[in-house]
Amino acid sequence: VGAMSALSHDLGAQSVILAITMHSTELVQADRCTVYLVDEPREQLWSCATDSGKELRIPMNAGIAGECRATKQTICIADAYQDARFNQEMDRKTGYHTRSILAVPILSEERSEQVVGVIQMINK
């Protein structure tokens, strides 16, 4: 998180999200990766789409990323369609097929009990 803070100061949040997304996808060999940051005042998780740069926002407790944030636990799902927490709507809209999900909380360096974001990787 210290490296993230330094990078975000120099590059801005969107650049940091893009860098983490690219490297995380390569490291775990996932099809896709999304880095969500916590927006406490709005009670949302937000990210920027790496392909369009468009801002994405979801309710803070929504879906797998929301549960990962709330529980501060890594969530590994082998079959997304067999997990009731998985929202199939995005797959229907995009034609993409999510098979597996790995969600990892990003903890604050200063306050280890505070989750500042979630890295969610799809189809490892």
Foldseek 3Di string as FASTA:
>chain_A
DVVLVVCCVVPNPQVSQLVCFVVVCVVVVFPGKGKWFADVVVQWTWGADNVPRHIDIDHCLAAPFNVCQVVVDKDKFQALVVDPRRDCVVCVVPVDDFGIKIKHFDADPVDRVHTGIIMMTTHD
